[in-house]
């Protein structure tokens, strides 16, 4: 190989190596951090505040619309007149998530949940619904 071809080959090889490294950095920067793979979401820290803001007015110990109460972990896990509202690890099979995601809840006239809140609830269910203490159902 003559000198000019060798220089061209080295330049080409360096360009390929740097472009490969750059694509790896770009790939890692583009991947959103999924809450299902990060530290577990805890009901009392993350989910309860959402329920307090959007659900507790109608679904509490004194006023249990559809016999559904979100005021405590035990009441939440008990479910309501439609049965269990949550299936650990399966948000798409959980009635609570289905009602929230489809816009059936909160009712018309109430402030809807944000996409971020819906995602947090989805991820919490997908992670297996962690509580600070195991609720007695």
Protein backbone atom coordinates (compact mmCIF):
# COMPACT_ATOMS: atom_id res chain seq x y z
CA UNK A 1 0.00 0.00 0.00
CA UNK A 2 1.44 3.38 -0.89
CA UNK A 3 1.57 6.28 1.58
CA UNK A 4 -1.46 8.19 0.24
CA UNK A 5 -3.68 5.07 0.35
CA UNK A 6 -2.47 4.32 3.86
CA UNK A 7 -3.32 7.89 5.00
CA UNK A 8 -6.73 7.63 3.34
CA UNK A 9 -7.37 4.26 5.01
CA UNK A 10 -6.36 5.61 8.46
CA UNK A 11 -8.54 8.69 7.98
CA UNK A 12 -11.50 6.54 6.94
CA UNK A 13 -10.99 4.19 9.88
CA UNK A 14 -10.84 7.12 12.34
CA UNK A 15 -14.02 8.62 10.89
CA UNK A 16 -15.83 5.31 11.26
CA UNK A 17 -14.67 4.87 14.84
CA UNK A 18 -15.69 8.40 15.85
CA UNK A 19 -19.06 8.14 14.13
CA UNK A 20 -19.73 4.82 15.91
CA UNK A 21 -18.87 6.37 19.28
CA UNK A 22 -21.08 9.38 18.54
CA UNK A 23 -24.03 7.18 17.62
CA UNK A 24 -23.69 5.28 20.90
CA UNK A 25 -23.75 8.54 22.87
CA UNK A 26 -26.75 9.77 20.87
CA UNK A 27 -28.61 6.48 21.40
CA UNK A 28 -28.13 6.62 25.16
CA UNK A 29 -29.21 10.27 25.26
CA UNK A 30 -32.39 9.60 23.22
CA UNK A 31 -33.68 6.70 25.31
CA UNK A 32 -36.15 8.05 27.86
CA UNK A 33 -35.65 6.75 31.34
CA UNK A 34 -38.51 4.39 32.00
CA UNK A 35 -39.95 4.41 35.50
CA UNK A 36 -40.48 0.70 35.17
CA UNK A 37 -36.72 0.17 35.10
CA UNK A 38 -35.70 2.80 37.65
CA UNK A 39 -36.30 2.79 41.38
CA UNK A 40 -39.75 1.49 42.32
CA UNK A 41 -42.65 3.90 42.58
CA UNK A 42 -44.22 3.85 46.04
CA UNK A 43 -47.98 4.40 46.40
CA UNK A 44 -47.82 6.80 49.34
CA UNK A 45 -45.10 8.95 47.75
CA UNK A 46 -46.19 9.05 44.12
CA UNK A 47 -49.70 7.69 43.52
CA UNK A 48 -51.63 8.80 46.62
CA UNK A 49 -51.06 12.52 45.89
CA UNK A 50 -52.57 11.99 42.41
CA UNK A 51 -55.58 10.21 43.90
CA UNK A 52 -55.96 12.92 46.56
CA UNK A 53 -56.06 15.60 43.86
CA UNK A 54 -58.37 13.79 41.44
CA UNK A 55 -60.27 10.89 43.07
CA UNK A 56 -60.62 11.19 46.83
CA UNK A 57 -63.51 13.65 46.70
CA UNK A 58 -65.82 10.92 45.33
CA UNK A 59 -64.00 7.72 46.34
CA UNK A 60 -63.39 7.87 50.10
CA UNK A 61 -64.60 6.06 53.22
CA UNK A 62 -67.75 8.18 53.55
CA UNK A 63 -68.58 8.73 49.89
CA UNK A 64 -67.67 5.57 47.97
CA UNK A 65 -68.98 6.10 44.46
CA UNK A 66 -69.29 2.68 42.80
CA UNK A 67 -68.25 1.25 46.19
CA UNK A 68 -64.65 2.21 45.32
CA UNK A 69 -62.45 3.84 47.97
CA UNK A 70 -58.92 5.11 47.29
CA UNK A 71 -58.31 6.56 50.76
CA UNK A 72 -56.11 3.69 51.94
CA UNK A 73 -54.06 0.92 50.34
CA UNK A 74 -56.35 -1.77 51.79
CA UNK A 75 -59.50 -0.06 50.48
CA UNK A 76 -57.89 0.50 47.09
CA UNK A 77 -56.93 -3.16 46.76
CA UNK A 78 -60.41 -4.29 47.85
CA UNK A 79 -61.91 -2.86 44.68
CA UNK A 80 -65.47 -1.72 44.09
CA UNK A 81 -68.76 -2.88 42.64
CA UNK A 82 -67.04 -3.83 39.37
CA UNK A 83 -64.55 -6.02 41.20
CA UNK A 84 -60.84 -5.60 41.73
CA UNK A 85 -59.59 -2.36 40.25
CA UNK A 86 -55.95 -3.37 40.07
CA UNK A 87 -54.00 -6.33 38.72
CA UNK A 88 -50.39 -6.17 39.92
CA UNK A 89 -47.96 -6.07 37.02
CA UNK A 90 -50.75 -5.67 34.45
CA UNK A 91 -51.91 -2.08 34.01
CA UNK A 92 -53.83 -2.87 30.83
CA UNK A 93 -55.90 -5.46 32.74
CA UNK A 94 -56.55 -3.10 35.67
CA UNK A 95 -60.00 -1.47 35.62
CA UNK A 96 -58.74 1.58 37.49
CA UNK A 97 -56.12 2.30 34.85
CA UNK A 98 -58.57 1.52 32.04
CA UNK A 99 -61.12 4.01 33.41
CA UNK A 100 -58.47 6.70 33.85
CA UNK A 101 -56.81 6.07 30.50
CA UNK A 102 -60.09 6.00 28.56
CA UNK A 103 -61.29 9.21 30.19
CA UNK A 104 -64.21 7.59 32.03
CA UNK A 105 -62.71 8.95 35.24
CA UNK A 106 -62.55 11.52 36.61
CA UNK A 107 -66.09 12.41 35.54
CA UNK A 108 -66.92 15.24 33.16
CA UNK A 109 -66.47 18.61 34.81
CA UNK A 110 -63.52 17.41 36.88
CA UNK A 111 -59.91 18.16 36.07
CA UNK A 112 -58.50 15.23 34.05
CA UNK A 113 -55.23 13.55 34.92
CA UNK A 114 -52.15 14.69 33.06
CA UNK A 115 -50.35 12.33 30.71
CA UNK A 116 -47.50 12.26 33.24
CA UNK A 117 -49.84 11.21 36.08
CA UNK A 118 -51.36 8.49 33.89
CA UNK A 119 -47.88 7.22 33.05
CA UNK A 120 -46.93 7.16 36.74
CA UNK A 121 -50.02 5.11 37.58
CA UNK A 122 -49.32 2.79 34.65
CA UNK A 123 -45.71 2.31 35.74
CA UNK A 124 -46.67 1.81 39.40
CA UNK A 125 -49.07 -0.98 38.44
CA UNK A 126 -46.53 -2.46 35.99
CA UNK A 127 -43.92 -2.52 38.78
CA UNK A 128 -46.24 -4.57 40.96
CA UNK A 129 -47.87 -1.80 43.04
CA UNK A 130 -45.41 -1.12 45.85
CA UNK A 131 -46.62 0.26 49.20
CA UNK A 132 -44.60 1.52 52.18
CA UNK A 133 -46.16 -1.30 54.20
CA UNK A 134 -48.05 -4.32 52.91
CA UNK A 135 -51.75 -3.51 53.20
CA UNK A 136 -54.12 -5.85 55.03
CA UNK A 137 -57.00 -6.61 52.68
